[in-house]
PDB file of all heavy atoms in Angstrom:
ATOM      1  N   MET A   1       8.013   6.500   0.510  1.00  0.00           N
ATOM      2  CA  MET A   1       7.493   6.886  -0.794  1.00  0.00           C
ATOM      3  C   MET A   1       8.610   7.460  -1.668  1.00  0.00           C
ATOM      4  O   MET A   1       9.367   8.317  -1.218  1.00  0.00           O
ATOM      5  CB  MET A   1       6.404   7.941  -0.622  1.00  0.00           C
ATOM      6  CG  MET A   1       5.806   8.437  -1.936  1.00  0.00           C
ATOM      7  SD  MET A   1       4.520   9.687  -1.664  1.00  0.00           S
ATOM      8  CE  MET A   1       5.526  11.056  -1.086  1.00  0.00           C
ATOM      9  N   PRO A   2       8.749   6.992  -2.909  1.00  0.00           N
ATOM     10  CA  PRO A   2       9.750   7.569  -3.822  1.00  0.00           C
ATOM     11  C   PRO A   2       9.521   9.075  -3.971  1.00  0.00           C
ATOM     12  O   PRO A   2       8.380   9.532  -4.061  1.00  0.00           O
ATOM     13  CB  PRO A   2       9.501   6.831  -5.136  1.00  0.00           C
ATOM     14  CG  PRO A   2       8.880   5.532  -4.717  1.00  0.00           C
ATOM     15  CD  PRO A   2       8.024   5.872  -3.536  1.00  0.00           C
ATOM     16  N   LEU A   3      10.607   9.830  -4.011  1.00  0.00           N
ATOM     17  CA  LEU A   3      10.480  11.286  -3.980  1.00  0.00           C
ATOM     18  C   LEU A   3      11.520  11.958  -4.863  1.00  0.00           C
ATOM     19  O   LEU A   3      12.708  11.643  -4.807  1.00  0.00           O
ATOM     20  CB  LEU A   3      10.639  11.779  -2.538  1.00  0.00           C
ATOM     21  CG  LEU A   3      10.540  13.277  -2.285  1.00  0.00           C
ATOM     22  CD1 LEU A   3       9.132  13.783  -2.577  1.00  0.00           C
ATOM     23  CD2 LEU A   3      10.913  13.583  -0.835  1.00  0.00           C
ATOM     24  N   VAL A   4      11.066  12.873  -5.706  1.00  0.00           N
ATOM     25  CA  VAL A   4      11.947  13.731  -6.485  1.00  0.00           C
ATOM     26  C   VAL A   4      11.528  15.171  -6.209  1.00  0.00           C
ATOM     27  O   VAL A   4      10.342  15.493  -6.260  1.00  0.00           O
ATOM     28  CB  VAL A   4      11.859  13.440  -7.995  1.00  0.00           C
ATOM     29  CG1 VAL A   4      12.715  14.429  -8.785  1.00  0.00           C
ATOM     30  CG2 VAL A   4      12.299  12.015  -8.296  1.00  0.00           C
ATOM     31  N   VAL A   5      12.489  16.035  -5.906  1.00  0.00           N
ATOM     32  CA  VAL A   5      12.214  17.433  -5.589  1.00  0.00           C
ATOM     33  C   VAL A   5      12.732  18.313  -6.727  1.00  0.00           C
ATOM     34  O   VAL A   5      13.878  18.176  -7.147  1.00  0.00           O
ATOM     35  CB  VAL A   5      12.892  17.844  -4.265  1.00  0.00           C
ATOM     36  CG1 VAL A   5      12.588  19.309  -3.940  1.00  0.00           C
ATOM     37  CG2 VAL A   5      12.420  16.947  -3.123  1.00  0.00           C
ATOM     38  N   LEU A   6      11.883  19.206  -7.220  1.00  0.00           N
ATOM     39  CA  LEU A   6      12.261  20.105  -8.304  1.00  0.00           C
ATOM     40  C   LEU A   6      12.661  21.459  -7.739  1.00  0.00           C
ATOM     41  O   LEU A   6      11.942  22.041  -6.929  1.00  0.00           O
ATOM     42  CB  LEU A   6      11.088  20.305  -9.277  1.00  0.00           C
ATOM     43  CG  LEU A   6      10.390  19.044  -9.786  1.00  0.00           C
ATOM     44  CD1 LEU A   6       9.309  19.410 -10.792  1.00  0.00           C
ATOM     45  CD2 LEU A   6      11.392  18.085 -10.404  1.00  0.00           C
ATOM     46  N   VAL A   7      13.815  21.960  -8.164  1.00  0.00           N
ATOM     47  CA  VAL A   7      14.275  23.276  -7.735  1.00  0.00           C
ATOM     48  C   VAL A   7      14.817  24.055  -8.931  1.00  0.00           C
ATOM     49  O   VAL A   7      15.234  23.473  -9.927  1.00  0.00           O
ATOM     50  CB  VAL A   7      15.390  23.193  -6.653  1.00  0.00           C
ATOM     51  CG1 VAL A   7      14.886  22.531  -5.388  1.00  0.00           C
ATOM     52  CG2 VAL A   7      16.622  22.468  -7.183  1.00  0.00           C
ATOM     53  N   ASP A   8      14.792  25.375  -8.817  1.00  0.00           N
ATOM     54  CA  ASP A   8      15.474  26.220  -9.790  1.00  0.00           C
ATOM     55  C   ASP A   8      15.870  27.513  -9.095  1.00  0.00           C
ATOM     56  O   ASP A   8      15.760  27.627  -7.872  1.00  0.00           O
ATOM     57  CB  ASP A   8      14.627  26.459 -11.048  1.00  0.00           C
ATOM     58  CG  ASP A   8      13.353  27.253 -10.781  1.00  0.00           C
ATOM     59  OD1 ASP A   8      13.223  27.849  -9.684  1.00  0.00           O
ATOM     60  OD2 ASP A   8      12.488  27.304 -11.662  1.00  0.00           O
ATOM     61  N   GLU A   9      16.322  28.495  -9.881  1.00  0.00           N
ATOM     62  CA  GLU A   9      16.803  29.744  -9.312  1.00  0.00           C
ATOM     63  C   GLU A   9      15.722  30.532  -8.576  1.00  0.00           C
ATOM     64  O   GLU A   9      16.019  31.476  -7.846  1.00  0.00           O
ATOM     65  CB  GLU A   9      17.425  30.614 -10.407  1.00  0.00           C
ATOM     66  CG  GLU A   9      16.509  30.942 -11.567  1.00  0.00           C
ATOM     67  CD  GLU A   9      16.353  29.798 -12.573  1.00  0.00           C
ATOM     68  OE1 GLU A   9      17.069  28.773 -12.461  1.00  0.00           O
ATOM     69  OE2 GLU A   9      15.502  29.929 -13.476  1.00  0.00           O
ATOM     70  N   GLY A  10      14.466  30.154  -8.733  1.00  0.00           N
ATOM     71  CA  GLY A  10      13.380  30.826  -8.016  1.00  0.00           C
ATOM     72  C   GLY A  10      12.997  30.129  -6.725  1.00  0.00           C
ATOM     73  O   GLY A  10      12.167  30.629  -5.966  1.00  0.00           O
ATOM     74  N   SER A  11      13.591  28.973  -6.449  1.00  0.00           N
ATOM     75  CA  SER A  11      13.287  28.241  -5.210  1.00  0.00           C
ATOM     76  C   SER A  11      14.048  28.888  -4.055  1.00  0.00           C
ATOM     77  O   SER A  11      15.275  28.962  -4.089  1.00  0.00           O
ATOM     78  CB  SER A  11      13.704  26.776  -5.340  1.00  0.00           C
ATOM     79  OG  SER A  11      13.086  26.179  -6.467  1.00  0.00           O
ATOM     80  N   ALA A  12      13.328  29.362  -3.037  1.00  0.00           N
ATOM     81  CA  ALA A  12      13.992  30.094  -1.965  1.00  0.00           C
ATOM     82  C   ALA A  12      13.386  29.777  -0.607  1.00  0.00           C
ATOM     83  O   ALA A  12      12.244  29.331  -0.507  1.00  0.00           O
ATOM     84  CB  ALA A  12      13.892  31.608  -2.222  1.00  0.00           C
ATOM     85  N   SER A  13      14.207  29.995   0.413  1.00  0.00           N
ATOM     86  CA  SER A  13      13.769  29.943   1.804  1.00  0.00           C
ATOM     87  C   SER A  13      13.270  28.553   2.197  1.00  0.00           C
ATOM     88  O   SER A  13      14.030  27.602   2.182  1.00  0.00           O
ATOM     89  CB  SER A  13      12.694  31.022   2.041  1.00  0.00           C
ATOM     90  OG  SER A  13      12.506  31.262   3.406  1.00  0.00           O
ATOM     91  N   ALA A  14      11.983  28.426   2.549  1.00  0.00           N
ATOM     92  CA  ALA A  14      11.461  27.149   3.055  1.00  0.00           C
ATOM     93  C   ALA A  14      11.669  26.016   2.065  1.00  0.00           C
ATOM     94  O   ALA A  14      11.960  24.880   2.455  1.00  0.00           O
ATOM     95  CB  ALA A  14       9.976  27.290   3.399  1.00  0.00           C
ATOM     96  N   SER A  15      11.535  26.308   0.763  1.00  0.00           N
ATOM     97  CA  SER A  15      11.728  25.245  -0.232  1.00  0.00           C
ATOM     98  C   SER A  15      13.177  24.768  -0.263  1.00  0.00           C
ATOM     99  O   SER A  15      13.448  23.601  -0.558  1.00  0.00           O
ATOM    100  CB  SER A  15      11.290  25.731  -1.624  1.00  0.00           C
ATOM    101  OG  SER A  15      12.044  26.846  -2.034  1.00  0.00           O
ATOM    102  N   GLU A  16      14.113  25.655   0.060  1.00  0.00           N
ATOM    103  CA  GLU A  16      15.521  25.263   0.106  1.00  0.00           C
ATOM    104  C   GLU A  16      15.815  24.434   1.354  1.00  0.00           C
ATOM    105  O   GLU A  16      16.620  23.502   1.317  1.00  0.00           O
ATOM    106  CB  GLU A  16      16.409  26.504   0.078  1.00  0.00           C
ATOM    107  CG  GLU A  16      16.311  27.260  -1.242  1.00  0.00           C
ATOM    108  CD  GLU A  16      17.183  28.494  -1.274  1.00  0.00           C
ATOM    109  OE1 GLU A  16      16.827  29.484  -0.617  1.00  0.00           O
ATOM    110  OE2 GLU A  16      18.222  28.479  -1.954  1.00  0.00           O
ATOM    111  N   ILE A  17      15.168  24.775   2.457  1.00  0.00           N
ATOM    112  CA  ILE A  17      15.299  23.970   3.675  1.00  0.00           C
ATOM    113  C   ILE A  17      14.812  22.553   3.400  1.00  0.00           C
ATOM    114  O   ILE A  17      15.454  21.566   3.770  1.00  0.00           O
ATOM    115  CB  ILE A  17      14.505  24.606   4.836  1.00  0.00           C
ATOM    116  CG1 ILE A  17      15.155  25.929   5.264  1.00  0.00           C
ATOM    117  CG2 ILE A  17      14.398  23.648   6.023  1.00  0.00           C
ATOM    118  CD1 ILE A  17      14.346  26.722   6.265  1.00  0.00           C
ATOM    119  N   PHE A  18      13.672  22.451   2.725  1.00  0.00           N
ATOM    120  CA  PHE A  18      13.094  21.147   2.389  1.00  0.00           C
ATOM    121  C   PHE A  18      14.030  20.354   1.481  1.00  0.00           C
ATOM    122  O   PHE A  18      14.357  19.195   1.749  1.00  0.00           O
ATOM    123  CB  PHE A  18      11.734  21.346   1.725  1.00  0.00           C
ATOM    124  CG  PHE A  18      11.052  20.067   1.352  1.00  0.00           C
ATOM    125  CD1 PHE A  18      10.316  19.359   2.279  1.00  0.00           C
ATOM    126  CD2 PHE A  18      11.144  19.562   0.062  1.00  0.00           C
ATOM    127  CE1 PHE A  18       9.684  18.170   1.940  1.00  0.00           C
ATOM    128  CE2 PHE A  18      10.523  18.379  -0.293  1.00  0.00           C
ATOM    129  CZ  PHE A  18       9.788  17.683   0.652  1.00  0.00           C
ATOM    130  N   ALA A  19      14.487  20.993   0.393  1.00  0.00           N
ATOM    131  CA  ALA A  19      15.353  20.308  -0.565  1.00  0.00           C
ATOM    132  C   ALA A  19      16.664  19.879   0.095  1.00  0.00           C
ATOM    133  O   ALA A  19      17.163  18.773  -0.149  1.00  0.00           O
ATOM    134  CB  ALA A  19      15.634  21.218  -1.763  1.00  0.00           C
ATOM    135  N   GLY A  20      17.225  20.738   0.941  1.00  0.00           N
ATOM    136  CA  GLY A  20      18.472  20.405   1.616  1.00  0.00           C
ATOM    137  C   GLY A  20      18.319  19.237   2.568  1.00  0.00           C
ATOM    138  O   GLY A  20      19.197  18.372   2.662  1.00  0.00           O
ATOM    139  N   ALA A  21      17.189  19.186   3.266  1.00  0.00           N
ATOM    140  CA  ALA A  21      16.936  18.078   4.193  1.00  0.00           C
ATOM    141  C   ALA A  21      16.785  16.765   3.446  1.00  0.00           C
ATOM    142  O   ALA A  21      17.311  15.725   3.861  1.00  0.00           O
ATOM    143  CB  ALA A  21      15.677  18.364   5.014  1.00  0.00           C
ATOM    144  N   ILE A  22      16.085  16.791   2.318  1.00  0.00           N
ATOM    145  CA  ILE A  22      15.902  15.585   1.508  1.00  0.00           C
ATOM    146  C   ILE A  22      17.234  15.110   0.949  1.00  0.00           C
ATOM    147  O   ILE A  22      17.568  13.918   0.977  1.00  0.00           O
ATOM    148  CB  ILE A  22      14.902  15.850   0.366  1.00  0.00           C
ATOM    149  CG1 ILE A  22      13.513  16.195   0.910  1.00  0.00           C
ATOM    150  CG2 ILE A  22      14.822  14.641  -0.567  1.00  0.00           C
ATOM    151  CD1 ILE A  22      12.883  15.128   1.766  1.00  0.00           C
ATOM    152  N   GLN A  23      18.029  16.049   0.443  1.00  0.00           N
ATOM    153  CA  GLN A  23      19.314  15.696  -0.175  1.00  0.00           C
ATOM    154  C   GLN A  23      20.311  15.169   0.851  1.00  0.00           C
ATOM    155  O   GLN A  23      20.926  14.122   0.653  1.00  0.00           O
ATOM    156  CB  GLN A  23      19.891  16.916  -0.888  1.00  0.00           C
ATOM    157  CG  GLN A  23      21.121  16.615  -1.738  1.00  0.00           C
ATOM    158  CD  GLN A  23      21.575  17.833  -2.507  1.00  0.00           C
ATOM    159  OE1 GLN A  23      21.810  18.896  -1.935  1.00  0.00           O
ATOM    160  NE2 GLN A  23      21.695  17.689  -3.832  1.00  0.00           N
ATOM    161  N   ASP A  24      20.468  15.871   1.959  1.00  0.00           N
ATOM    162  CA  ASP A  24      21.476  15.478   2.945  1.00  0.00           C
ATOM    163  C   ASP A  24      21.130  14.178   3.655  1.00  0.00           C
ATOM    164  O   ASP A  24      22.022  13.461   4.122  1.00  0.00           O
ATOM    165  CB  ASP A  24      21.666  16.590   3.978  1.00  0.00           C
ATOM    166  CG  ASP A  24      22.465  17.758   3.411  1.00  0.00           C
ATOM    167  OD1 ASP A  24      22.815  17.711   2.222  1.00  0.00           O
ATOM    168  OD2 ASP A  24      22.732  18.716   4.169  1.00  0.00           O
ATOM    169  N   ASN A  25      19.840  13.868   3.750  1.00  0.00           N
ATOM    170  CA  ASN A  25      19.419  12.606   4.368  1.00  0.00           C
ATOM    171  C   ASN A  25      19.269  11.486   3.342  1.00  0.00           C
ATOM    172  O   ASN A  25      18.824  10.387   3.674  1.00  0.00           O
ATOM    173  CB  ASN A  25      18.097  12.799   5.117  1.00  0.00           C
ATOM    174  CG  ASN A  25      18.287  13.475   6.464  1.00  0.00           C
ATOM    175  OD1 ASN A  25      18.853  12.891   7.385  1.00  0.00           O
ATOM    176  ND2 ASN A  25      17.824  14.719   6.585  1.00  0.00           N
ATOM    177  N   ASP A  26      19.621  11.778   2.068  1.00  0.00           N
ATOM    178  CA  ASP A  26      19.514  10.782   0.989  1.00  0.00           C
ATOM    179  C   ASP A  26      18.107  10.201   0.904  1.00  0.00           C
ATOM    180  O   ASP A  26      17.919   9.020   0.628  1.00  0.00           O
ATOM    181  CB  ASP A  26      20.537   9.653   1.194  1.00  0.00           C
ATOM    182  CG  ASP A  26      21.968  10.171   1.134  1.00  0.00           C
ATOM    183  OD1 ASP A  26      22.353  10.712   0.079  1.00  0.00           O
ATOM    184  OD2 ASP A  26      22.687  10.047   2.150  1.00  0.00           O
ATOM    185  N   ARG A  27      17.137  11.070   1.125  1.00  0.00           N
ATOM    186  CA  ARG A  27      15.730  10.641   1.123  1.00  0.00           C
ATOM    187  C   ARG A  27      15.118  10.652  -0.268  1.00  0.00           C
ATOM    188  O   ARG A  27      14.137   9.974  -0.549  1.00  0.00           O
ATOM    189  CB  ARG A  27      14.930  11.545   2.078  1.00  0.00           C
ATOM    190  CG  ARG A  27      13.420  11.349   2.075  1.00  0.00           C
ATOM    191  CD  ARG A  27      13.042   9.951   2.508  1.00  0.00           C
ATOM    192  NE  ARG A  27      11.594   9.766   2.421  1.00  0.00           N
ATOM    193  CZ  ARG A  27      10.941   9.457   1.313  1.00  0.00           C
ATOM    194  NH1 ARG A  27      11.597   9.317   0.164  1.00  0.00           N
ATOM    195  NH2 ARG A  27       9.629   9.287   1.337  1.00  0.00           N
ATOM    196  N   GLY A  28      15.698  11.455  -1.177  1.00  0.00           N
ATOM    197  CA  GLY A  28      15.171  11.562  -2.530  1.00  0.00           C
ATOM    198  C   GLY A  28      16.198  12.216  -3.433  1.00  0.00           C
ATOM    199  O   GLY A  28      17.329  12.487  -3.020  1.00  0.00           O
ATOM    200  N   THR A  29      15.810  12.495  -4.663  1.00  0.00           N
ATOM    201  CA  THR A  29      16.706  13.087  -5.658  1.00  0.00           C
ATOM    202  C   THR A  29      16.255  14.508  -5.968  1.00  0.00           C
ATOM    203  O   THR A  29      15.065  14.763  -6.148  1.00  0.00           O
ATOM    204  CB  THR A  29      16.708  12.254  -6.946  1.00  0.00           C
ATOM    205  OG1 THR A  29      17.200  10.938  -6.642  1.00  0.00           O
ATOM    206  CG2 THR A  29      17.602  12.886  -8.013  1.00  0.00           C
ATOM    207  N   ILE A  30      17.216  15.431  -6.028  1.00  0.00           N
ATOM    208  CA  ILE A  30      16.931  16.830  -6.335  1.00  0.00           C
ATOM    209  C   ILE A  30      17.247  17.063  -7.817  1.00  0.00           C
ATOM    210  O   ILE A  30      18.339  16.741  -8.284  1.00  0.00           O
ATOM    211  CB  ILE A  30      17.770  17.784  -5.467  1.00  0.00           C
ATOM    212  CG1 ILE A  30      17.765  17.339  -4.000  1.00  0.00           C
ATOM    213  CG2 ILE A  30      17.276  19.212  -5.612  1.00  0.00           C
ATOM    214  CD1 ILE A  30      16.406  17.296  -3.348  1.00  0.00           C
ATOM    215  N   VAL A  31      16.286  17.636  -8.546  1.00  0.00           N
ATOM    216  CA  VAL A  31      16.415  17.820  -9.991  1.00  0.00           C
ATOM    217  C   VAL A  31      16.149  19.277 -10.358  1.00  0.00           C
ATOM    218  O   VAL A  31      15.232  19.898  -9.826  1.00  0.00           O
ATOM    219  CB  VAL A  31      15.425  16.910 -10.749  1.00  0.00           C
ATOM    220  CG1 VAL A  31      15.469  17.180 -12.249  1.00  0.00           C
ATOM    221  CG2 VAL A  31      15.737  15.446 -10.472  1.00  0.00           C
ATOM    222  N   GLY A  32      16.951  19.819 -11.270  1.00  0.00           N
ATOM    223  CA  GLY A  32      16.699  21.166 -11.772  1.00  0.00           C
ATOM    224  C   GLY A  32      17.952  22.002 -11.841  1.00  0.00           C
ATOM    225  O   GLY A  32      18.975  21.584 -12.374  1.00  0.00           O
ATOM    226  N   ARG A  33      17.891  23.224 -11.259  1.00  0.00           N
ATOM    227  CA  ARG A  33      19.024  24.146 -11.253  1.00  0.00           C
ATOM    228  C   ARG A  33      19.248  24.683  -9.841  1.00  0.00           C
ATOM    229  O   ARG A  33      18.366  24.591  -8.997  1.00  0.00           O
ATOM    230  CB  ARG A  33      18.764  25.311 -12.232  1.00  0.00           C
ATOM    231  CG  ARG A  33      18.664  24.858 -13.676  1.00  0.00           C
ATOM    232  CD  ARG A  33      18.485  26.022 -14.635  1.00  0.00           C
ATOM    233  NE  ARG A  33      17.225  26.724 -14.469  1.00  0.00           N
ATOM    234  CZ  ARG A  33      16.076  26.308 -14.987  1.00  0.00           C
ATOM    235  NH1 ARG A  33      16.018  25.169 -15.679  1.00  0.00           N
ATOM    236  NH2 ARG A  33      14.982  27.004 -14.808  1.00  0.00           N
TER     237      ARG A  33
END
């Protein structure tokens, strides 16, 4: 499934683990700050 993950300066802890896993595995695109 196509996937875009939104992050900003308020994204912390579990959401960062999720975003990092998606980014490092090239599973989707991370957008925001």
